[in-house]
Amino acid sequence: VYTVRSFNASGIQLLYTTVFPNSPYTSMQITKVIANQSNELYILGNATSGLDAKGIVIKLSSTLLQSWQTILSASTYGNTNYPVDIALQGSNILVLTRKIMYAAGIETTVLARMTSSSGVITATHTQPTNNFIPYALHVAGSQNIYYCGSSGYNNGIVVKFNSSLTQLWAASFSMGSGTWFNNVVTDVYENVYVAGNG
């Protein structure tokens, strides 16, 4: 069982609840928690049942009541779908996951967009590059989307999408073995900055 607690600005605990994925998932690891301007929370986690691992998003209200949960299914997203990052895009939620298809020996990236009101997935984009391992997600003020990662740990990659989840460009850089980008951000002019290992 995992806990969520809220505190006021003085560090006094206000509310407390527990969260847990529904059956058949028996455990969960929490990856990240974000909040919108209405103080609603979105929890990104990794729900598991035996060897089955899936990304999960749980919404809590400002009073920490669970509104919904969405699990990224195996039939759509591969054998496992490890959660990497979550971000808000207006009234939408974006989830970046690492998809692994064991039989094909492929690791790649899935970007999913869901509604913040119900958790219904409305659009997805699967990176066509095999061995694309994602690390970070960023939404610019223009609502354009960026994520970064690596290809076979030999290339740092950053990808840009428009607000409709259409890929606009991808840039790849090799700085030697063990190259990847694990942070991406934009400035007020939407210049893009990435950092990582090389």
Protein backbone atom coordinates (compact mmCIF):
# COMPACT_ATOMS: atom_id res chain seq x y z
CA VAL A 1 0.00 0.00 0.00
CA TYR A 2 1.33 3.46 -0.90
CA THR A 3 0.54 6.68 0.89
CA VAL A 4 -0.13 10.24 -0.17
CA ARG A 5 0.00 13.02 2.39
CA SER A 6 -0.61 16.75 2.09
CA PHE A 7 1.02 19.42 4.26
CA ASN A 8 0.44 23.14 4.61
CA ALA A 9 3.17 25.74 4.14
CA SER A 10 4.24 25.33 7.80
CA GLY A 11 4.78 21.58 7.42
CA ILE A 12 1.64 20.53 9.29
CA GLN A 13 -0.01 17.43 7.83
CA LEU A 14 -3.49 18.13 6.50
CA LEU A 15 -4.69 14.95 4.79
CA TYR A 16 -3.58 11.35 4.37
CA THR A 17 -4.71 8.49 2.14
CA THR A 18 -3.49 5.21 0.69
CA VAL A 19 -3.40 4.29 -2.99
CA PHE A 20 -3.16 0.86 -4.55
CA PRO A 21 -3.82 -0.47 -8.05
CA ASN A 22 -6.89 -2.63 -8.60
CA SER A 23 -6.74 -6.39 -9.10
CA PRO A 24 -4.92 -8.23 -10.68
CA TYR A 25 -2.00 -5.92 -9.84
CA THR A 26 -0.39 -6.83 -6.55
CA SER A 27 2.18 -4.08 -6.06
CA MET A 28 3.13 -0.66 -7.35
CA GLN A 29 6.12 1.65 -7.45
CA ILE A 30 5.41 5.37 -7.64
CA THR A 31 7.50 7.21 -10.24
CA LYS A 32 6.21 10.79 -10.03
CA VAL A 33 3.38 12.94 -8.66
CA ILE A 34 2.20 16.18 -10.29
CA ALA A 35 -0.60 18.64 -9.46
CA ASN A 36 -2.73 20.98 -11.57
CA GLN A 37 -3.95 24.47 -10.65
CA SER A 38 -7.02 22.96 -8.97
CA ASN A 39 -4.77 20.97 -6.62
CA GLU A 40 -5.79 17.69 -8.23
CA LEU A 41 -3.01 15.10 -8.19
CA TYR A 42 -1.86 12.67 -10.86
CA ILE A 43 0.28 9.75 -9.70
CA LEU A 44 2.44 7.90 -12.22
CA GLY A 45 3.42 4.43 -11.13
CA ASN A 46 4.52 0.97 -12.20
CA ALA A 47 1.87 -1.65 -11.40
CA THR A 48 3.03 -5.27 -11.34
CA SER A 49 1.54 -8.73 -11.11
CA GLY A 50 4.25 -11.39 -11.25
CA LEU A 51 6.33 -10.61 -14.34
CA ASP A 52 3.60 -8.38 -15.78
CA ALA A 53 4.51 -4.68 -15.44
CA LYS A 54 2.41 -1.78 -16.70
CA GLY A 55 2.39 1.99 -16.40
CA ILE A 56 -0.49 3.27 -14.30
CA VAL A 57 -1.93 6.76 -13.75
CA ILE A 58 -4.13 7.48 -10.72
CA LYS A 59 -6.01 10.74 -10.23
CA LEU A 60 -6.73 12.08 -6.74
CA SER A 61 -8.93 15.06 -5.96
CA SER A 62 -7.71 17.96 -3.82
CA THR A 63 -9.15 16.06 -0.83
CA LEU A 64 -7.12 12.96 -1.86
CA LEU A 65 -10.14 10.94 -3.01
CA GLN A 66 -9.36 8.66 -5.96
CA SER A 67 -11.25 9.71 -9.10
CA TRP A 68 -9.95 7.16 -11.63
CA GLN A 69 -7.02 5.03 -12.67
CA THR A 70 -5.76 4.07 -16.13
CA ILE A 71 -3.42 1.19 -16.92
CA LEU A 72 -1.52 1.13 -20.22
CA SER A 73 -2.40 -2.29 -21.57
CA ALA A 74 -0.09 -5.01 -22.86
CA SER A 75 -2.05 -5.51 -26.07
CA THR A 76 -1.35 -1.94 -27.12
CA TYR A 77 1.97 -1.21 -25.51
CA GLY A 78 4.04 -4.41 -25.53
CA ASN A 79 5.04 -6.96 -22.92
CA THR A 80 5.93 -4.33 -20.37
CA ASN A 81 5.34 -0.61 -20.31
CA TYR A 82 7.52 1.03 -17.68
CA PRO A 83 6.48 4.57 -16.72
CA VAL A 84 9.13 7.25 -17.20
CA ASP A 85 7.57 10.72 -16.89
CA ILE A 86 4.24 12.56 -16.73
CA ALA A 87 3.30 16.15 -17.63
CA LEU A 88 0.25 18.36 -18.01
CA GLN A 89 -0.70 19.80 -21.40
CA GLY A 90 -3.67 22.09 -20.86
CA SER A 91 -6.58 19.80 -19.93
CA ASN A 92 -4.64 16.73 -21.04
CA ILE A 93 -2.12 14.48 -19.34
CA LEU A 94 0.93 13.21 -21.20
CA VAL A 95 2.63 9.99 -20.14
CA LEU A 96 6.02 8.86 -21.43
CA THR A 97 6.73 5.13 -21.13
CA ARG A 98 9.41 2.64 -22.06
CA LYS A 99 7.91 -0.21 -24.07
CA ILE A 100 9.71 -3.55 -24.15
CA MET A 101 8.73 -6.32 -26.58
CA TYR A 102 10.80 -9.28 -25.46
CA ALA A 103 10.08 -11.62 -28.39
CA ALA A 104 11.20 -8.99 -30.90
CA GLY A 105 14.09 -7.75 -28.77
CA ILE A 106 12.83 -4.18 -29.10
CA GLU A 107 12.84 -1.34 -26.58
CA THR A 108 11.15 1.84 -27.67
CA THR A 109 9.09 4.80 -26.48
CA VAL A 110 5.35 5.41 -26.25
CA LEU A 111 3.88 8.87 -25.67
CA ALA A 112 0.23 8.71 -24.61
CA ARG A 113 -2.23 11.56 -24.14
CA MET A 114 -5.26 11.15 -21.89
CA THR A 115 -7.99 13.43 -20.61
CA SER A 116 -7.49 14.74 -17.12
CA SER A 117 -11.21 14.40 -16.36
CA SER A 118 -11.58 10.66 -17.05
CA GLY A 119 -8.19 9.17 -17.86
CA VAL A 120 -9.39 8.02 -21.29
CA ILE A 121 -6.48 7.73 -23.72
CA THR A 122 -7.18 9.88 -26.76
CA ALA A 123 -3.92 9.62 -28.75
CA THR A 124 -0.63 7.74 -28.73
CA HIS A 125 2.65 7.91 -30.59
CA THR A 126 5.12 5.03 -30.70
CA GLN A 127 8.67 5.94 -31.61
CA PRO A 128 9.57 3.93 -34.74
CA THR A 129 13.26 3.74 -33.79
CA ASN A 130 14.10 0.40 -32.18
CA ASN A 131 16.19 0.57 -29.00
CA PHE A 132 14.89 4.06 -28.22
CA ILE A 133 14.97 4.37 -24.43
CA PRO A 134 13.17 7.43 -23.02
CA TYR A 135 14.30 9.47 -20.02
CA ALA A 136 12.38 12.77 -19.75
CA LEU A 137 9.33 14.68 -21.00
CA HIS A 138 8.72 18.44 -21.24
CA VAL A 139 5.78 20.61 -22.37
CA ALA A 140 6.67 24.11 -23.57
CA GLY A 141 4.52 27.18 -23.01
CA SER A 142 3.31 26.82 -26.60
CA GLN A 143 2.04 23.32 -25.67
CA ASN A 144 4.61 21.76 -28.00
CA ILE A 145 6.04 18.55 -26.54
CA TYR A 146 9.62 17.35 -26.22
CA TYR A 147 11.10 14.14 -24.95
CA CYS A 148 14.65 12.86 -24.85
CA GLY A 149 16.51 9.61 -24.36
CA SER A 150 19.00 7.33 -26.05
CA SER A 151 19.32 4.87 -28.89
CA GLY A 152 21.28 1.82 -27.84
CA TYR A 153 23.11 3.97 -25.27
CA ASN A 154 25.25 5.30 -28.15
CA ASN A 155 23.19 8.31 -29.23
CA GLY A 156 21.51 11.07 -27.30
CA ILE A 157 18.13 11.88 -28.90
CA VAL A 158 15.62 14.70 -28.51
CA VAL A 159 12.25 14.69 -30.30
CA LYS A 160 9.73 17.51 -30.83
CA PHE A 161 5.96 17.17 -31.29
CA ASN A 162 3.29 19.79 -31.88
CA SER A 163 0.35 20.10 -29.51
CA SER A 164 -1.59 17.48 -31.54
CA LEU A 165 1.07 14.79 -30.99
CA THR A 166 2.45 14.99 -34.53
CA GLN A 167 6.21 14.52 -34.60
CA LEU A 168 7.97 17.57 -36.09
CA TRP A 169 11.63 16.59 -35.84
CA ALA A 170 14.16 14.39 -34.09
CA ALA A 171 17.82 15.19 -33.49
CA SER A 172 20.43 12.55 -32.65
CA PHE A 173 23.95 13.07 -31.35
CA SER A 174 26.72 10.56 -30.70
CA MET A 175 29.34 11.52 -28.14
CA GLY A 176 30.79 8.04 -27.75
CA SER A 177 29.71 4.89 -25.96
CA GLY A 178 27.24 5.47 -23.14
CA THR A 179 25.62 8.55 -24.67
CA TRP A 180 22.13 9.63 -23.66
CA PHE A 181 20.06 12.67 -22.70
CA ASN A 182 18.12 12.48 -19.45
CA ASN A 183 16.88 16.08 -19.14
CA VAL A 184 15.11 18.39 -21.59
CA VAL A 185 13.75 21.92 -21.11
CA THR A 186 12.88 24.99 -23.21
CA ASP A 187 13.37 28.70 -22.56
CA VAL A 188 10.90 31.52 -23.26
CA TYR A 189 11.94 31.55 -26.94
CA GLU A 190 11.46 27.78 -27.12
CA ASN A 191 15.10 27.09 -27.67
CA VAL A 192 15.64 23.52 -26.51
CA TYR A 193 18.28 22.41 -24.02
CA VAL A 194 19.22 18.81 -23.25
CA ALA A 195 21.73 17.40 -20.81
CA GLY A 196 23.00 13.94 -20.07
CA ASN A 197 25.90 11.54 -20.35
CA GLY A 198 28.46 11.44 -23.12
